[in-house]
C-alpha cells in the first residue's frame, strides 16, 4: 500500500508541476532476483551466512562453561556478524541492480520506475515494462 501511495504522489507531482508526459517504467523485482549476476551474489551471500552460522554455533558450544554474561556477549557479537554479512550482500545486490536499472532508464528516457511484482501489482495498465531489459543487462 505504501508503494502505491508513493507512486501516486510521484505521478501527481509530475503532472501538477506541468512536466507534461511522464514516462513510467516498472520492474518485476521477484523475477529480477533470478538474473545471473544477482543470483550469484545471493548464493554467495547465503553460503557465507551458512559458514558463519556453523562457526558461531561451534564457538557458542565451546563457551558452555562461560558465564551468562559472556554467553550473552558472544550471542550479540554473533548477531552483529550475521547482520554485517547480510548487509554487505544486500548492498552488493542493490548496487548491481541500481547500475543496470540506471542504464536502462537513461536509454529509454524513463522518469519514474516502480516495482510491480506479480504479488504486489502497482501498474495495471500502461507504463513500460523494463524487466526483460534489466535481465539482459544482468546476464
N, C-alpha and C. Protein backbone atom coordinates (compact mmCIF):
# COMPACT_ATOMS: atom_id res chain seq x y z
N UNK A 1 0.83 -1.18 0.00
CA UNK A 1 0.00 0.00 0.00
C UNK A 1 0.88 1.25 0.00
N UNK A 2 1.99 1.19 0.76
CA UNK A 2 2.89 2.35 0.81
C UNK A 2 3.48 2.63 -0.57
N UNK A 3 3.84 1.55 -1.28
CA UNK A 3 4.42 1.73 -2.62
C UNK A 3 3.41 2.41 -3.54
N UNK A 4 2.16 1.98 -3.43
CA UNK A 4 1.11 2.53 -4.28
C UNK A 4 0.93 4.02 -4.02
N UNK A 5 0.86 4.39 -2.74
CA UNK A 5 0.68 5.80 -2.39
C UNK A 5 1.87 6.64 -2.83
N UNK A 6 3.07 6.10 -2.65
CA UNK A 6 4.28 6.81 -3.07
C UNK A 6 4.27 7.02 -4.58
N UNK A 7 3.88 6.00 -5.31
CA UNK A 7 3.81 6.10 -6.76
C UNK A 7 2.81 7.17 -7.18
N UNK A 8 1.64 7.15 -6.55
CA UNK A 8 0.64 8.17 -6.87
C UNK A 8 1.14 9.57 -6.58
N UNK A 9 1.84 9.73 -5.46
CA UNK A 9 2.38 11.05 -5.12
C UNK A 9 3.39 11.51 -6.17
N UNK A 10 4.28 10.61 -6.60
CA UNK A 10 5.28 10.97 -7.60
C UNK A 10 4.62 11.38 -8.91
N UNK A 11 3.66 10.59 -9.34
CA UNK A 11 2.98 10.89 -10.59
C UNK A 11 2.24 12.21 -10.48
N UNK A 12 1.55 12.42 -9.38
CA UNK A 12 0.81 13.67 -9.16
C UNK A 12 1.74 14.87 -9.20
N UNK A 13 2.90 14.73 -8.58
CA UNK A 13 3.87 15.82 -8.55
C UNK A 13 4.31 16.19 -9.96
N UNK A 14 4.59 15.19 -10.79
CA UNK A 14 4.99 15.46 -12.16
C UNK A 14 3.86 16.14 -12.95
N UNK A 15 2.66 15.65 -12.77
CA UNK A 15 1.54 16.21 -13.52
C UNK A 15 1.19 17.62 -13.08
N UNK A 16 1.21 17.86 -11.78
CA UNK A 16 0.87 19.18 -11.25
C UNK A 16 1.93 20.21 -11.63
N UNK A 17 3.18 19.79 -11.64
CA UNK A 17 4.26 20.73 -11.94
C UNK A 17 4.32 21.09 -13.42
N UNK A 18 3.48 20.47 -14.22
CA UNK A 18 3.42 20.86 -15.62
C UNK A 18 4.47 20.22 -16.49
N UNK A 19 5.03 19.14 -16.06
CA UNK A 19 6.06 18.46 -16.86
C UNK A 19 5.48 17.82 -18.10
N UNK A 20 4.17 17.72 -18.16
CA UNK A 20 3.55 17.10 -19.33
C UNK A 20 3.57 15.60 -19.20
N UNK A 21 4.10 14.94 -20.20
CA UNK A 21 4.11 13.48 -20.24
C UNK A 21 5.15 12.92 -19.29
N UNK A 22 4.74 11.93 -18.54
CA UNK A 22 5.63 11.25 -17.60
C UNK A 22 5.81 9.84 -18.10
N UNK A 23 7.05 9.42 -18.27
CA UNK A 23 7.35 8.06 -18.69
C UNK A 23 7.57 7.21 -17.46
N UNK A 24 6.68 6.25 -17.27
CA UNK A 24 6.76 5.38 -16.09
C UNK A 24 7.22 4.00 -16.53
N UNK A 25 8.24 3.53 -15.86
CA UNK A 25 8.72 2.17 -16.10
C UNK A 25 8.45 1.34 -14.88
N UNK A 26 8.31 0.05 -15.08
CA UNK A 26 8.11 -0.82 -13.94
C UNK A 26 8.93 -2.09 -14.10
N UNK A 27 9.22 -2.69 -12.96
CA UNK A 27 10.05 -3.88 -12.90
C UNK A 27 9.34 -4.95 -12.08
N UNK A 28 9.62 -6.18 -12.40
CA UNK A 28 9.20 -7.30 -11.58
C UNK A 28 10.41 -7.68 -10.74
N UNK A 29 10.47 -7.15 -9.53
CA UNK A 29 11.62 -7.36 -8.65
C UNK A 29 11.88 -8.82 -8.33
N UNK A 30 10.83 -9.61 -8.21
CA UNK A 30 10.99 -11.03 -7.92
C UNK A 30 11.68 -11.73 -9.09
N UNK A 31 11.23 -11.43 -10.28
CA UNK A 31 11.81 -12.03 -11.49
C UNK A 31 13.28 -11.63 -11.64
N UNK A 32 13.60 -10.40 -11.29
CA UNK A 32 14.98 -9.92 -11.43
C UNK A 32 15.96 -10.66 -10.51
N UNK A 33 15.47 -11.17 -9.39
CA UNK A 33 16.36 -11.86 -8.46
C UNK A 33 16.95 -13.14 -9.05
N UNK A 34 16.38 -13.61 -10.18
CA UNK A 34 16.91 -14.79 -10.86
C UNK A 34 17.94 -14.44 -11.93
N UNK A 35 18.21 -13.15 -12.10
CA UNK A 35 19.23 -12.73 -13.07
C UNK A 35 20.57 -13.31 -12.64
N UNK A 36 21.37 -13.81 -13.59
CA UNK A 36 22.63 -14.49 -13.25
C UNK A 36 23.54 -13.71 -12.29
N UNK A 37 23.75 -12.43 -12.53
CA UNK A 37 24.65 -11.67 -11.65
C UNK A 37 24.09 -11.56 -10.23
N UNK A 38 22.78 -11.33 -10.13
CA UNK A 38 22.17 -11.20 -8.81
C UNK A 38 22.08 -12.55 -8.11
N UNK A 39 21.81 -13.59 -8.88
CA UNK A 39 21.71 -14.93 -8.31
C UNK A 39 23.06 -15.36 -7.74
N UNK A 40 24.13 -15.03 -8.45
CA UNK A 40 25.47 -15.37 -7.97
C UNK A 40 25.76 -14.67 -6.65
N UNK A 41 25.45 -13.40 -6.56
CA UNK A 41 25.67 -12.66 -5.32
C UNK A 41 24.82 -13.24 -4.20
N UNK A 42 23.56 -13.52 -4.51
CA UNK A 42 22.66 -14.08 -3.50
C UNK A 42 23.15 -15.43 -2.98
N UNK A 43 23.57 -16.30 -3.89
CA UNK A 43 24.05 -17.63 -3.49
C UNK A 43 25.34 -17.53 -2.67
N UNK A 44 26.23 -16.63 -3.08
CA UNK A 44 27.47 -16.43 -2.32
C UNK A 44 27.15 -15.93 -0.92
N UNK A 45 26.21 -15.01 -0.82
CA UNK A 45 25.80 -14.48 0.49
C UNK A 45 25.21 -15.56 1.37
N UNK A 46 24.36 -16.40 0.78
CA UNK A 46 23.76 -17.49 1.55
C UNK A 46 24.82 -18.47 2.04
N UNK A 47 25.82 -18.74 1.19
CA UNK A 47 26.90 -19.64 1.58
C UNK A 47 27.71 -19.04 2.73
N UNK A 48 28.04 -17.76 2.63
CA UNK A 48 28.80 -17.09 3.69
C UNK A 48 28.01 -17.09 5.00
N UNK A 49 26.70 -16.88 4.92
CA UNK A 49 25.87 -16.91 6.12
C UNK A 49 25.86 -18.29 6.76
N UNK A 50 25.76 -19.33 5.93
CA UNK A 50 25.77 -20.69 6.46
C UNK A 50 27.11 -21.01 7.13
N UNK A 51 28.20 -20.59 6.50
CA UNK A 51 29.51 -20.81 7.09
C UNK A 51 29.65 -20.07 8.41
N UNK A 52 29.19 -18.83 8.44
CA UNK A 52 29.27 -18.03 9.66
C UNK A 52 28.40 -18.64 10.76
N UNK A 53 27.21 -19.10 10.39
CA UNK A 53 26.33 -19.72 11.39
C UNK A 53 26.96 -20.99 11.97
N UNK A 54 27.60 -21.79 11.12
CA UNK A 54 28.27 -23.00 11.60
C UNK A 54 29.40 -22.64 12.56
N UNK A 55 30.18 -21.62 12.21
CA UNK A 55 31.28 -21.19 13.06
C UNK A 55 30.74 -20.64 14.39
N UNK A 56 29.69 -19.88 14.32
CA UNK A 56 29.08 -19.29 15.52
C UNK A 56 28.55 -20.39 16.43
N UNK A 57 27.89 -21.38 15.85
CA UNK A 57 27.37 -22.50 16.64
C UNK A 57 28.50 -23.22 17.35
N UNK A 58 29.59 -23.43 16.64
CA UNK A 58 30.75 -24.09 17.26
C UNK A 58 31.35 -23.23 18.37
N UNK A 59 31.46 -21.94 18.12
CA UNK A 59 32.02 -21.03 19.13
C UNK A 59 31.14 -20.97 20.38
N UNK A 60 29.82 -20.92 20.17
CA UNK A 60 28.91 -20.87 21.32
C UNK A 60 28.92 -22.19 22.09
N UNK A 61 29.05 -23.29 21.39
CA UNK A 61 29.12 -24.59 22.06
C UNK A 61 30.39 -24.69 22.91
N UNK A 62 31.46 -24.08 22.44
CA UNK A 62 32.72 -24.10 23.18
C UNK A 62 32.65 -23.24 24.44
N UNK A 63 31.67 -22.34 24.49
CA UNK A 63 31.55 -21.44 25.64
C UNK A 63 30.47 -21.92 26.62
N UNK A 64 30.18 -23.18 26.61
CA UNK A 64 29.16 -23.73 27.51
C UNK A 64 29.46 -23.43 28.98
N UNK A 65 30.72 -23.45 29.33
CA UNK A 65 31.11 -23.24 30.72
C UNK A 65 31.31 -21.77 31.06
N UNK A 66 31.13 -20.90 30.11
CA UNK A 66 31.33 -19.47 30.34
C UNK A 66 30.17 -18.91 31.17
N UNK A 67 30.42 -17.73 31.71
CA UNK A 67 29.36 -17.07 32.49
C UNK A 67 28.22 -16.66 31.58
N UNK A 68 27.07 -16.41 32.18
CA UNK A 68 25.91 -15.98 31.40
C UNK A 68 26.19 -14.68 30.66
N UNK A 69 26.94 -13.80 31.30
CA UNK A 69 27.28 -12.51 30.68
C UNK A 69 28.15 -12.73 29.43
N UNK A 70 29.12 -13.63 29.54
CA UNK A 70 29.99 -13.91 28.40
C UNK A 70 29.22 -14.59 27.27
N UNK A 71 28.28 -15.46 27.63
CA UNK A 71 27.45 -16.12 26.61
C UNK A 71 26.59 -15.08 25.88
N UNK A 72 26.04 -14.16 26.66
CA UNK A 72 25.19 -13.12 26.06
C UNK A 72 26.01 -12.23 25.13
N UNK A 73 27.22 -11.88 25.55
CA UNK A 73 28.09 -11.06 24.70
C UNK A 73 28.43 -11.80 23.41
N UNK A 74 28.69 -13.09 23.52
CA UNK A 74 29.01 -13.89 22.34
C UNK A 74 27.82 -13.96 21.39
N UNK A 75 26.62 -14.09 21.93
CA UNK A 75 25.43 -14.13 21.08
C UNK A 75 25.20 -12.79 20.39
N UNK A 76 25.41 -11.71 21.10
CA UNK A 76 25.25 -10.38 20.50
C UNK A 76 26.27 -10.18 19.39
N UNK A 77 27.50 -10.59 19.64
CA UNK A 77 28.55 -10.47 18.63
C UNK A 77 28.22 -11.34 17.41
N UNK A 78 27.67 -12.51 17.65
CA UNK A 78 27.29 -13.40 16.56
C UNK A 78 26.20 -12.75 15.70
N UNK A 79 25.21 -12.14 16.34
CA UNK A 79 24.14 -11.47 15.61
C UNK A 79 24.69 -10.31 14.77
N UNK A 80 25.62 -9.58 15.35
CA UNK A 80 26.25 -8.46 14.61
C UNK A 80 26.97 -8.97 13.37
N UNK A 81 27.68 -10.08 13.55
CA UNK A 81 28.43 -10.65 12.43
C UNK A 81 27.48 -11.08 11.31
N UNK A 82 26.39 -11.77 11.67
CA UNK A 82 25.43 -12.22 10.67
C UNK A 82 24.75 -11.03 9.98
N UNK A 83 24.39 -10.01 10.75
CA UNK A 83 23.78 -8.82 10.16
C UNK A 83 24.75 -8.11 9.22
N UNK A 84 26.02 -8.07 9.58
CA UNK A 84 27.03 -7.45 8.73
C UNK A 84 27.14 -8.16 7.39
N UNK A 85 27.12 -9.50 7.43
CA UNK A 85 27.19 -10.28 6.19
C UNK A 85 25.95 -10.01 5.34
N UNK A 86 24.78 -10.03 5.97
CA UNK A 86 23.54 -9.78 5.23
C UNK A 86 23.55 -8.40 4.60
N UNK A 87 23.97 -7.40 5.34
CA UNK A 87 24.00 -6.03 4.82
C UNK A 87 24.99 -5.88 3.68
N UNK A 88 26.14 -6.54 3.79
CA UNK A 88 27.15 -6.45 2.74
C UNK A 88 26.62 -7.01 1.43
N UNK A 89 25.99 -8.16 1.49
CA UNK A 89 25.46 -8.76 0.26
C UNK A 89 24.23 -8.03 -0.25
N UNK A 90 23.41 -7.52 0.63
CA UNK A 90 22.25 -6.72 0.21
C UNK A 90 22.73 -5.46 -0.51
N UNK A 91 23.80 -4.88 -0.02
CA UNK A 91 24.37 -3.69 -0.64
C UNK A 91 24.91 -4.02 -2.04
N UNK A 92 25.58 -5.16 -2.17
CA UNK A 92 26.08 -5.58 -3.48
C UNK A 92 24.94 -5.79 -4.47
N UNK A 93 23.86 -6.44 -4.00
CA UNK A 93 22.70 -6.65 -4.86
C UNK A 93 22.12 -5.31 -5.32
N UNK A 94 21.97 -4.40 -4.39
CA UNK A 94 21.39 -3.09 -4.70
C UNK A 94 22.26 -2.33 -5.70
N UNK A 95 23.58 -2.37 -5.51
CA UNK A 95 24.48 -1.66 -6.42
C UNK A 95 24.37 -2.22 -7.85
N UNK A 96 24.38 -3.55 -7.98
CA UNK A 96 24.27 -4.16 -9.31
C UNK A 96 22.94 -3.80 -9.96
N UNK A 97 21.87 -3.93 -9.20
CA UNK A 97 20.55 -3.65 -9.73
C UNK A 97 20.39 -2.18 -10.09
N UNK A 98 20.85 -1.29 -9.22
CA UNK A 98 20.77 0.15 -9.48
C UNK A 98 21.53 0.53 -10.75
N UNK A 99 22.71 -0.06 -10.94
CA UNK A 99 23.51 0.26 -12.12
C UNK A 99 22.79 -0.19 -13.39
N UNK A 100 22.25 -1.40 -13.38
CA UNK A 100 21.55 -1.91 -14.56
C UNK A 100 20.29 -1.11 -14.84
N UNK A 101 19.52 -0.84 -13.81
CA UNK A 101 18.29 -0.06 -13.98
C UNK A 101 18.62 1.35 -14.46
N UNK A 102 19.66 1.94 -13.88
CA UNK A 102 20.07 3.28 -14.28
C UNK A 102 20.40 3.38 -15.76
N UNK A 103 21.11 2.39 -16.27
CA UNK A 103 21.45 2.39 -17.70
C UNK A 103 20.20 2.30 -18.58
N UNK A 104 19.29 1.42 -18.20
CA UNK A 104 18.07 1.24 -18.97
C UNK A 104 17.20 2.51 -18.90
N UNK A 105 17.09 3.09 -17.72
CA UNK A 105 16.29 4.30 -17.52
C UNK A 105 16.80 5.43 -18.40
N UNK A 106 18.11 5.60 -18.45
CA UNK A 106 18.69 6.65 -19.29
C UNK A 106 18.42 6.39 -20.77
N UNK A 107 18.61 5.15 -21.20
CA UNK A 107 18.44 4.85 -22.63
C UNK A 107 16.99 4.96 -23.08
N UNK A 108 16.04 4.74 -22.17
CA UNK A 108 14.62 4.79 -22.54
C UNK A 108 13.94 6.07 -22.08
N UNK A 109 14.71 6.98 -21.47
CA UNK A 109 14.19 8.27 -21.01
C UNK A 109 12.98 8.09 -20.07
N UNK A 110 13.17 7.29 -19.04
CA UNK A 110 12.13 7.00 -18.06
C UNK A 110 12.24 7.99 -16.91
N UNK A 111 11.09 8.50 -16.44
CA UNK A 111 11.07 9.47 -15.34
C UNK A 111 10.90 8.80 -13.98
N UNK A 112 10.09 7.74 -13.93
CA UNK A 112 9.77 7.07 -12.68
C UNK A 112 9.82 5.57 -12.91
N UNK A 113 10.41 4.84 -11.96
CA UNK A 113 10.44 3.38 -12.02
C UNK A 113 9.85 2.85 -10.72
N UNK A 114 8.91 1.92 -10.85
CA UNK A 114 8.30 1.31 -9.67
C UNK A 114 8.43 -0.20 -9.77
N UNK A 115 8.39 -0.85 -8.61
CA UNK A 115 8.40 -2.30 -8.56
C UNK A 115 6.96 -2.75 -8.66
N UNK A 116 6.69 -3.57 -9.63
CA UNK A 116 5.33 -4.05 -9.84
C UNK A 116 5.35 -5.57 -9.92
N UNK A 117 5.88 -6.20 -8.88
CA UNK A 117 5.95 -7.65 -8.84
C UNK A 117 4.56 -8.25 -8.89
N UNK A 118 4.49 -9.47 -9.34
CA UNK A 118 3.20 -10.14 -9.53
C UNK A 118 2.34 -10.11 -8.27
N UNK A 119 2.95 -10.27 -7.10
CA UNK A 119 2.18 -10.32 -5.86
C UNK A 119 1.77 -8.94 -5.35
N UNK A 120 2.36 -7.86 -5.90
CA UNK A 120 2.03 -6.50 -5.47
C UNK A 120 1.91 -5.59 -6.68
N UNK A 121 0.98 -5.88 -7.54
CA UNK A 121 0.82 -5.09 -8.77
C UNK A 121 0.54 -3.63 -8.45
N UNK A 122 1.33 -2.76 -9.04
CA UNK A 122 1.11 -1.33 -8.91
C UNK A 122 0.62 -0.78 -10.24
N UNK A 123 1.23 -1.22 -11.31
CA UNK A 123 0.85 -0.77 -12.64
C UNK A 123 -0.06 -1.84 -13.26
N UNK A 124 -1.28 -1.49 -13.54
CA UNK A 124 -2.22 -2.43 -14.14
C UNK A 124 -2.34 -2.21 -15.64
N UNK A 125 -2.12 -0.99 -16.06
CA UNK A 125 -2.25 -0.67 -17.47
C UNK A 125 -1.29 0.46 -17.79
N UNK A 126 -0.69 0.39 -18.95
CA UNK A 126 0.25 1.42 -19.36
C UNK A 126 1.62 1.19 -18.75
N UNK A 127 2.46 2.17 -18.83
CA UNK A 127 3.81 2.04 -18.33
C UNK A 127 4.66 1.19 -19.26
N UNK A 128 5.94 1.17 -18.99
CA UNK A 128 6.88 0.43 -19.82
C UNK A 128 7.53 -0.63 -18.94
N UNK A 129 7.39 -1.88 -19.33
CA UNK A 129 7.99 -2.98 -18.57
C UNK A 129 9.49 -3.04 -18.89
N UNK A 130 10.30 -2.76 -17.90
CA UNK A 130 11.75 -2.74 -18.07
C UNK A 130 12.41 -4.04 -17.62
N UNK A 131 11.63 -4.98 -17.12
CA UNK A 131 12.17 -6.19 -16.51
C UNK A 131 13.09 -6.95 -17.45
N UNK A 132 12.65 -7.23 -18.66
CA UNK A 132 13.47 -8.02 -19.59
C UNK A 132 14.75 -7.29 -19.99
N UNK A 133 14.65 -5.96 -20.15
CA UNK A 133 15.85 -5.19 -20.50
C UNK A 133 16.88 -5.25 -19.36
N UNK A 134 16.41 -5.13 -18.13
CA UNK A 134 17.32 -5.19 -16.99
C UNK A 134 17.89 -6.60 -16.85
N UNK A 135 17.07 -7.63 -17.08
CA UNK A 135 17.57 -9.01 -17.03
C UNK A 135 18.69 -9.22 -18.04
N UNK A 136 18.52 -8.70 -19.25
CA UNK A 136 19.57 -8.82 -20.27
C UNK A 136 20.85 -8.13 -19.79
N UNK A 137 20.69 -6.99 -19.16
CA UNK A 137 21.85 -6.23 -18.69
C UNK A 137 22.59 -6.99 -17.58
N UNK A 138 21.86 -7.81 -16.83
CA UNK A 138 22.44 -8.54 -15.70
C UNK A 138 22.87 -9.98 -16.08
N UNK A 139 22.99 -10.26 -17.36
CA UNK A 139 23.42 -11.60 -17.79
C UNK A 139 24.86 -11.84 -17.50
